[in-house]
Every structure is written in structure tokens, then in C-alpha cells.
PDB file of N, CA and C in Angstrom:
ATOM      1  N   UNK A   1     142.526 146.910 114.653  1.00  0.00           N
ATOM      2  CA  UNK A   1     141.480 146.081 115.229  1.00  0.00           C
ATOM      3  C   UNK A   1     140.128 146.713 114.880  1.00  0.00           C
ATOM      4  N   UNK A   2     139.171 145.840 114.615  1.00  0.00           N
ATOM      5  CA  UNK A   2     137.821 146.286 114.274  1.00  0.00           C
ATOM      6  C   UNK A   2     136.829 145.629 115.225  1.00  0.00           C
ATOM      7  N   UNK A   3     135.766 146.340 115.543  1.00  0.00           N
ATOM      8  CA  UNK A   3     134.748 145.810 116.445  1.00  0.00           C
ATOM      9  C   UNK A   3     133.884 144.791 115.714  1.00  0.00           C
ATOM     10  N   UNK A   4     133.798 143.622 116.299  1.00  0.00           N
ATOM     11  CA  UNK A   4     132.973 142.554 115.744  1.00  0.00           C
ATOM     12  C   UNK A   4     131.632 142.462 116.460  1.00  0.00           C
ATOM     13  N   UNK A   5     131.664 142.631 117.775  1.00  0.00           N
ATOM     14  CA  UNK A   5     130.465 142.423 118.578  1.00  0.00           C
ATOM     15  C   UNK A   5     130.530 143.291 119.824  1.00  0.00           C
ATOM     16  N   UNK A   6     129.378 143.771 120.253  1.00  0.00           N
ATOM     17  CA  UNK A   6     129.260 144.530 121.499  1.00  0.00           C
ATOM     18  C   UNK A   6     128.077 143.936 122.259  1.00  0.00           C
ATOM     19  N   UNK A   7     128.337 143.461 123.483  1.00  0.00           N
ATOM     20  CA  UNK A   7     127.272 142.818 124.258  1.00  0.00           C
ATOM     21  C   UNK A   7     127.534 142.938 125.751  1.00  0.00           C
ATOM     22  N   UNK A   8     126.457 142.823 126.517  1.00  0.00           N
ATOM     23  CA  UNK A   8     126.542 142.791 127.978  1.00  0.00           C
ATOM     24  C   UNK A   8     126.582 141.363 128.511  1.00  0.00           C
ATOM     25  N   UNK A   9     126.350 140.401 127.656  1.00  0.00           N
ATOM     26  CA  UNK A   9     126.207 139.007 128.074  1.00  0.00           C
ATOM     27  C   UNK A   9     127.561 138.281 128.066  1.00  0.00           C
ATOM     28  N   UNK A  10     128.100 137.946 129.241  1.00  0.00           N
ATOM     29  CA  UNK A  10     129.403 137.277 129.297  1.00  0.00           C
ATOM     30  C   UNK A  10     129.399 135.882 128.676  1.00  0.00           C
ATOM     31  N   UNK A  11     128.241 135.220 128.648  1.00  0.00           N
ATOM     32  CA  UNK A  11     128.193 133.890 128.032  1.00  0.00           C
ATOM     33  C   UNK A  11     128.331 133.985 126.516  1.00  0.00           C
ATOM     34  N   UNK A  12     127.781 135.027 125.927  1.00  0.00           N
ATOM     35  CA  UNK A  12     127.929 135.235 124.484  1.00  0.00           C
ATOM     36  C   UNK A  12     129.385 135.523 124.156  1.00  0.00           C
ATOM     37  N   UNK A  13     130.033 136.322 124.982  1.00  0.00           N
ATOM     38  CA  UNK A  13     131.450 136.631 124.750  1.00  0.00           C
ATOM     39  C   UNK A  13     132.296 135.369 124.825  1.00  0.00           C
ATOM     40  N   UNK A  14     132.034 134.524 125.807  1.00  0.00           N
ATOM     41  CA  UNK A  14     132.782 133.268 125.930  1.00  0.00           C
ATOM     42  C   UNK A  14     132.539 132.370 124.723  1.00  0.00           C
ATOM     43  N   UNK A  15     131.296 132.293 124.261  1.00  0.00           N
ATOM     44  CA  UNK A  15     130.946 131.464 123.108  1.00  0.00           C
ATOM     45  C   UNK A  15     131.618 131.994 121.844  1.00  0.00           C
ATOM     46  N   UNK A  16     131.558 133.300 121.631  1.00  0.00           N
ATOM     47  CA  UNK A  16     132.179 133.918 120.457  1.00  0.00           C
ATOM     48  C   UNK A  16     133.688 133.711 120.470  1.00  0.00           C
ATOM     49  N   UNK A  17     134.308 133.885 121.619  1.00  0.00           N
ATOM     50  CA  UNK A  17     135.751 133.679 121.740  1.00  0.00           C
ATOM     51  C   UNK A  17     136.128 132.247 121.376  1.00  0.00           C
ATOM     52  N   UNK A  18     135.335 131.284 121.851  1.00  0.00           N
ATOM     53  CA  UNK A  18     135.595 129.872 121.535  1.00  0.00           C
ATOM     54  C   UNK A  18     135.381 129.585 120.050  1.00  0.00           C
ATOM     55  N   UNK A  19     134.306 130.127 119.476  1.00  0.00           N
ATOM     56  CA  UNK A  19     134.051 129.919 118.050  1.00  0.00           C
ATOM     57  C   UNK A  19     135.186 130.469 117.190  1.00  0.00           C
ATOM     58  N   UNK A  20     135.588 131.690 117.483  1.00  0.00           N
ATOM     59  CA  UNK A  20     136.656 132.316 116.695  1.00  0.00           C
ATOM     60  C   UNK A  20     137.980 131.583 116.874  1.00  0.00           C
ATOM     61  N   UNK A  21     138.272 131.181 118.095  1.00  0.00           N
ATOM     62  CA  UNK A  21     139.502 130.427 118.345  1.00  0.00           C
ATOM     63  C   UNK A  21     139.522 129.116 117.585  1.00  0.00           C
ATOM     64  N   UNK A  22     138.379 128.466 117.497  1.00  0.00           N
ATOM     65  CA  UNK A  22     138.272 127.218 116.750  1.00  0.00           C
ATOM     66  C   UNK A  22     138.507 127.397 115.261  1.00  0.00           C
ATOM     67  N   UNK A  23     138.265 128.597 114.761  1.00  0.00           N
ATOM     68  CA  UNK A  23     138.481 128.906 113.346  1.00  0.00           C
ATOM     69  C   UNK A  23     139.843 129.545 113.096  1.00  0.00           C
ATOM     70  N   UNK A  24     140.633 129.690 114.157  1.00  0.00           N
ATOM     71  CA  UNK A  24     141.964 130.280 114.012  1.00  0.00           C
ATOM     72  C   UNK A  24     141.957 131.795 113.892  1.00  0.00           C
ATOM     73  N   UNK A  25     140.882 132.432 114.338  1.00  0.00           N
ATOM     74  CA  UNK A  25     140.773 133.890 114.292  1.00  0.00           C
ATOM     75  C   UNK A  25     141.026 134.431 115.698  1.00  0.00           C
ATOM     76  N   UNK A  26     142.060 135.243 115.823  1.00  0.00           N
ATOM     77  CA  UNK A  26     142.377 135.825 117.125  1.00  0.00           C
ATOM     78  C   UNK A  26     141.428 136.968 117.418  1.00  0.00           C
ATOM     79  N   UNK A  27     141.002 137.055 118.680  1.00  0.00           N
ATOM     80  CA  UNK A  27     140.140 138.165 119.084  1.00  0.00           C
ATOM     81  C   UNK A  27     140.607 138.695 120.434  1.00  0.00           C
ATOM     82  N   UNK A  28     140.147 139.881 120.760  1.00  0.00           N
ATOM     83  CA  UNK A  28     140.508 140.538 122.008  1.00  0.00           C
ATOM     84  C   UNK A  28     139.253 141.194 122.556  1.00  0.00           C
ATOM     85  N   UNK A  29     139.002 141.014 123.845  1.00  0.00           N
ATOM     86  CA  UNK A  29     137.814 141.590 124.473  1.00  0.00           C
ATOM     87  C   UNK A  29     138.213 142.876 125.188  1.00  0.00           C
ATOM     88  N   UNK A  30     137.569 143.978 124.803  1.00  0.00           N
ATOM     89  CA  UNK A  30     137.824 145.280 125.418  1.00  0.00           C
ATOM     90  C   UNK A  30     136.742 145.619 126.426  1.00  0.00           C
ATOM     91  N   UNK A  31     137.041 146.527 127.309  1.00  0.00           N
ATOM     92  CA  UNK A  31     136.115 147.076 128.302  1.00  0.00           C
ATOM     93  C   UNK A  31     135.802 146.110 129.439  1.00  0.00           C
ATOM     94  N   UNK A  32     136.629 145.097 129.627  1.00  0.00           N
ATOM     95  CA  UNK A  32     136.410 144.148 130.720  1.00  0.00           C
ATOM     96  C   UNK A  32     136.584 144.852 132.064  1.00  0.00           C
ATOM     97  N   UNK A  33     137.643 145.619 132.209  1.00  0.00           N
ATOM     98  CA  UNK A  33     137.900 146.310 133.480  1.00  0.00           C
ATOM     99  C   UNK A  33     136.860 147.375 133.763  1.00  0.00           C
ATOM    100  N   UNK A  34     136.404 148.066 132.750  1.00  0.00           N
ATOM    101  CA  UNK A  34     135.360 149.072 132.936  1.00  0.00           C
ATOM    102  C   UNK A  34     134.089 148.415 133.432  1.00  0.00           C
ATOM    103  N   UNK A  35     133.770 147.277 132.870  1.00  0.00           N
ATOM    104  CA  UNK A  35     132.588 146.538 133.291  1.00  0.00           C
ATOM    105  C   UNK A  35     132.702 146.110 134.749  1.00  0.00           C
ATOM    106  N   UNK A  36     133.882 145.718 135.166  1.00  0.00           N
ATOM    107  CA  UNK A  36     134.098 145.302 136.558  1.00  0.00           C
ATOM    108  C   UNK A  36     133.980 146.498 137.500  1.00  0.00           C
ATOM    109  N   UNK A  37     134.526 147.651 137.091  1.00  0.00           N
ATOM    110  CA  UNK A  37     134.479 148.846 137.926  1.00  0.00           C
ATOM    111  C   UNK A  37     133.059 149.334 138.182  1.00  0.00           C
ATOM    112  N   UNK A  38     132.162 149.142 137.230  1.00  0.00           N
ATOM    113  CA  UNK A  38     130.798 149.610 137.409  1.00  0.00           C
ATOM    114  C   UNK A  38     129.974 148.660 138.279  1.00  0.00           C
ATOM    115  N   UNK A  39     130.623 147.673 138.854  1.00  0.00           N
ATOM    116  CA  UNK A  39     129.961 146.796 139.804  1.00  0.00           C
ATOM    117  C   UNK A  39     129.389 145.533 139.200  1.00  0.00           C
ATOM    118  N   UNK A  40     129.730 145.250 137.959  1.00  0.00           N
ATOM    119  CA  UNK A  40     129.271 144.040 137.267  1.00  0.00           C
ATOM    120  C   UNK A  40     127.754 143.922 137.230  1.00  0.00           C
ATOM    121  N   UNK A  41     127.081 145.063 137.096  1.00  0.00           N
ATOM    122  CA  UNK A  41     125.617 145.014 136.988  1.00  0.00           C
ATOM    123  C   UNK A  41     125.177 144.910 135.530  1.00  0.00           C
ATOM    124  N   UNK A  42     126.135 144.954 134.620  1.00  0.00           N
ATOM    125  CA  UNK A  42     125.843 144.664 133.226  1.00  0.00           C
ATOM    126  C   UNK A  42     125.328 145.807 132.387  1.00  0.00           C
ATOM    127  N   UNK A  43     125.577 147.049 132.793  1.00  0.00           N
ATOM    128  CA  UNK A  43     125.072 148.151 131.974  1.00  0.00           C
ATOM    129  C   UNK A  43     126.068 148.598 130.914  1.00  0.00           C
ATOM    130  N   UNK A  44     127.343 148.302 131.116  1.00  0.00           N
ATOM    131  CA  UNK A  44     128.357 148.682 130.135  1.00  0.00           C
ATOM    132  C   UNK A  44     128.741 147.470 129.296  1.00  0.00           C
ATOM    133  N   UNK A  45     128.540 147.552 128.000  1.00  0.00           N
ATOM    134  CA  UNK A  45     128.861 146.399 127.150  1.00  0.00           C
ATOM    135  C   UNK A  45     130.363 146.219 126.959  1.00  0.00           C
ATOM    136  N   UNK A  46     130.730 145.005 126.689  1.00  0.00           N
ATOM    137  CA  UNK A  46     132.113 144.674 126.332  1.00  0.00           C
ATOM    138  C   UNK A  46     132.173 144.524 124.823  1.00  0.00           C
ATOM    139  N   UNK A  47     133.340 144.799 124.253  1.00  0.00           N
ATOM    140  CA  UNK A  47     133.502 144.719 122.806  1.00  0.00           C
ATOM    141  C   UNK A  47     134.474 143.606 122.452  1.00  0.00           C
ATOM    142  N   UNK A  48     134.117 142.818 121.447  1.00  0.00           N
ATOM    143  CA  UNK A  48     134.992 141.791 120.915  1.00  0.00           C
ATOM    144  C   UNK A  48     135.605 142.357 119.632  1.00  0.00           C
ATOM    145  N   UNK A  49     136.930 142.413 119.608  1.00  0.00           N
ATOM    146  CA  UNK A  49     137.658 143.005 118.493  1.00  0.00           C
ATOM    147  C   UNK A  49     138.430 141.921 117.746  1.00  0.00           C
ATOM    148  N   UNK A  50     138.550 142.093 116.428  1.00  0.00           N
ATOM    149  CA  UNK A  50     139.358 141.199 115.592  1.00  0.00           C
ATOM    150  C   UNK A  50     140.197 142.067 114.650  1.00  0.00           C
ATOM    151  N   UNK A  51     141.209 141.455 114.051  1.00  0.00           N
ATOM    152  CA  UNK A  51     141.996 142.167 113.058  1.00  0.00           C
ATOM    153  C   UNK A  51     141.118 142.532 111.869  1.00  0.00           C
ATOM    154  N   UNK A  52     141.427 143.651 111.242  1.00  0.00           N
ATOM    155  CA  UNK A  52     140.640 144.106 110.093  1.00  0.00           C
ATOM    156  C   UNK A  52     140.603 143.046 108.992  1.00  0.00           C
ATOM    157  N   UNK A  53     141.711 142.341 108.795  1.00  0.00           N
ATOM    158  CA  UNK A  53     141.783 141.315 107.749  1.00  0.00           C
ATOM    159  C   UNK A  53     140.884 140.120 108.058  1.00  0.00           C
ATOM    160  N   UNK A  54     140.564 139.899 109.340  1.00  0.00           N
ATOM    161  CA  UNK A  54     139.738 138.762 109.750  1.00  0.00           C
ATOM    162  C   UNK A  54     138.270 139.122 109.949  1.00  0.00           C
ATOM    163  N   UNK A  55     137.910 140.381 109.768  1.00  0.00           N
ATOM    164  CA  UNK A  55     136.568 140.839 110.109  1.00  0.00           C
ATOM    165  C   UNK A  55     135.472 140.104 109.338  1.00  0.00           C
ATOM    166  N   UNK A  56     135.591 139.989 108.053  1.00  0.00           N
ATOM    167  CA  UNK A  56     134.539 139.336 107.260  1.00  0.00           C
ATOM    168  C   UNK A  56     134.409 137.855 107.603  1.00  0.00           C
ATOM    169  N   UNK A  57     135.533 137.171 107.758  1.00  0.00           N
ATOM    170  CA  UNK A  57     135.493 135.750 108.126  1.00  0.00           C
ATOM    171  C   UNK A  57     134.865 135.575 109.501  1.00  0.00           C
ATOM    172  N   UNK A  58     135.177 136.467 110.431  1.00  0.00           N
ATOM    173  CA  UNK A  58     134.614 136.394 111.779  1.00  0.00           C
ATOM    174  C   UNK A  58     133.105 136.641 111.748  1.00  0.00           C
ATOM    175  N   UNK A  59     132.661 137.572 110.918  1.00  0.00           N
ATOM    176  CA  UNK A  59     131.220 137.827 110.786  1.00  0.00           C
ATOM    177  C   UNK A  59     130.490 136.600 110.254  1.00  0.00           C
ATOM    178  N   UNK A  60     131.095 135.914 109.312  1.00  0.00           N
ATOM    179  CA  UNK A  60     130.489 134.695 108.758  1.00  0.00           C
ATOM    180  C   UNK A  60     130.376 133.628 109.843  1.00  0.00           C
ATOM    181  N   UNK A  61     131.418 133.461 110.638  1.00  0.00           N
ATOM    182  CA  UNK A  61     131.398 132.469 111.726  1.00  0.00           C
ATOM    183  C   UNK A  61     130.251 132.769 112.692  1.00  0.00           C
ATOM    184  N   UNK A  62     130.121 134.037 113.084  1.00  0.00           N
ATOM    185  CA  UNK A  62     129.055 134.391 114.031  1.00  0.00           C
ATOM    186  C   UNK A  62     127.675 134.175 113.416  1.00  0.00           C
ATOM    187  N   UNK A  63     127.487 134.635 112.191  1.00  0.00           N
ATOM    188  CA  UNK A  63     126.203 134.488 111.529  1.00  0.00           C
ATOM    189  C   UNK A  63     125.823 133.027 111.359  1.00  0.00           C
ATOM    190  N   UNK A  64     126.772 132.193 111.005  1.00  0.00           N
ATOM    191  CA  UNK A  64     126.516 130.762 110.843  1.00  0.00           C
ATOM    192  C   UNK A  64     126.115 130.092 112.154  1.00  0.00           C
ATOM    193  N   UNK A  65     126.467 130.723 113.273  1.00  0.00           N
ATOM    194  CA  UNK A  65     126.150 130.155 114.582  1.00  0.00           C
ATOM    195  C   UNK A  65     125.040 130.916 115.297  1.00  0.00           C
ATOM    196  N   UNK A  66     124.294 131.728 114.551  1.00  0.00           N
ATOM    197  CA  UNK A  66     123.120 132.385 115.109  1.00  0.00           C
ATOM    198  C   UNK A  66     123.378 133.603 115.939  1.00  0.00           C
ATOM    199  N   UNK A  67     124.533 134.227 115.785  1.00  0.00           N
ATOM    200  CA  UNK A  67     124.854 135.437 116.535  1.00  0.00           C
ATOM    201  C   UNK A  67     124.967 136.589 115.545  1.00  0.00           C
ATOM    202  N   UNK A  68     124.272 137.664 115.812  1.00  0.00           N
ATOM    203  CA  UNK A  68     124.280 138.830 114.932  1.00  0.00           C
ATOM    204  C   UNK A  68     125.464 139.741 115.300  1.00  0.00           C
ATOM    205  N   UNK A  69     126.451 139.874 114.388  1.00  0.00           N
ATOM    206  CA  UNK A  69     127.572 140.761 114.669  1.00  0.00           C
ATOM    207  C   UNK A  69     127.139 142.225 114.644  1.00  0.00           C
ATOM    208  N   UNK A  70     127.941 143.068 115.280  1.00  0.00           N
ATOM    209  CA  UNK A  70     127.649 144.516 115.308  1.00  0.00           C
ATOM    210  C   UNK A  70     127.840 145.135 113.955  1.00  0.00           C
TER     211      UNK A  70
END
């Protein structure tokens, strides 16, 4: 798995997950529980991960939709 995006914004994560799913690219969000433990004040970013083989295609999807990948 490779890191595609790191953000504190849950709406961006939801949007990215939907975009990737629509393109048939599986993703996994890491650090969700850590973010919850810190009280959900948004200081710890969550990471969106994709398979290494899908990384370039996922970056293109994000860039085409105005989101800057990590």
C-alpha cells in the first residue's frame, strides 16, 4: 500500500473515497481510530492508501478533480 493523500478534512476523505471507488480503485483510510482518540479536534491527519499498482491512476483521478495528492 502507498500513501495517496494525508488530510485532516473528513469531507475530502469521503470525496476521494467516492472518486476512487467510481474508478474501480480500492483505497483504505488509516489513522481513523487515532484521530478519534485525540478527541476529533482534527490535529492528526488521516491517510488514504492505495495499492502500489494503482498509485499513478489514483493520482490522476485526484488531480483531475482538483485535489492535490501527497
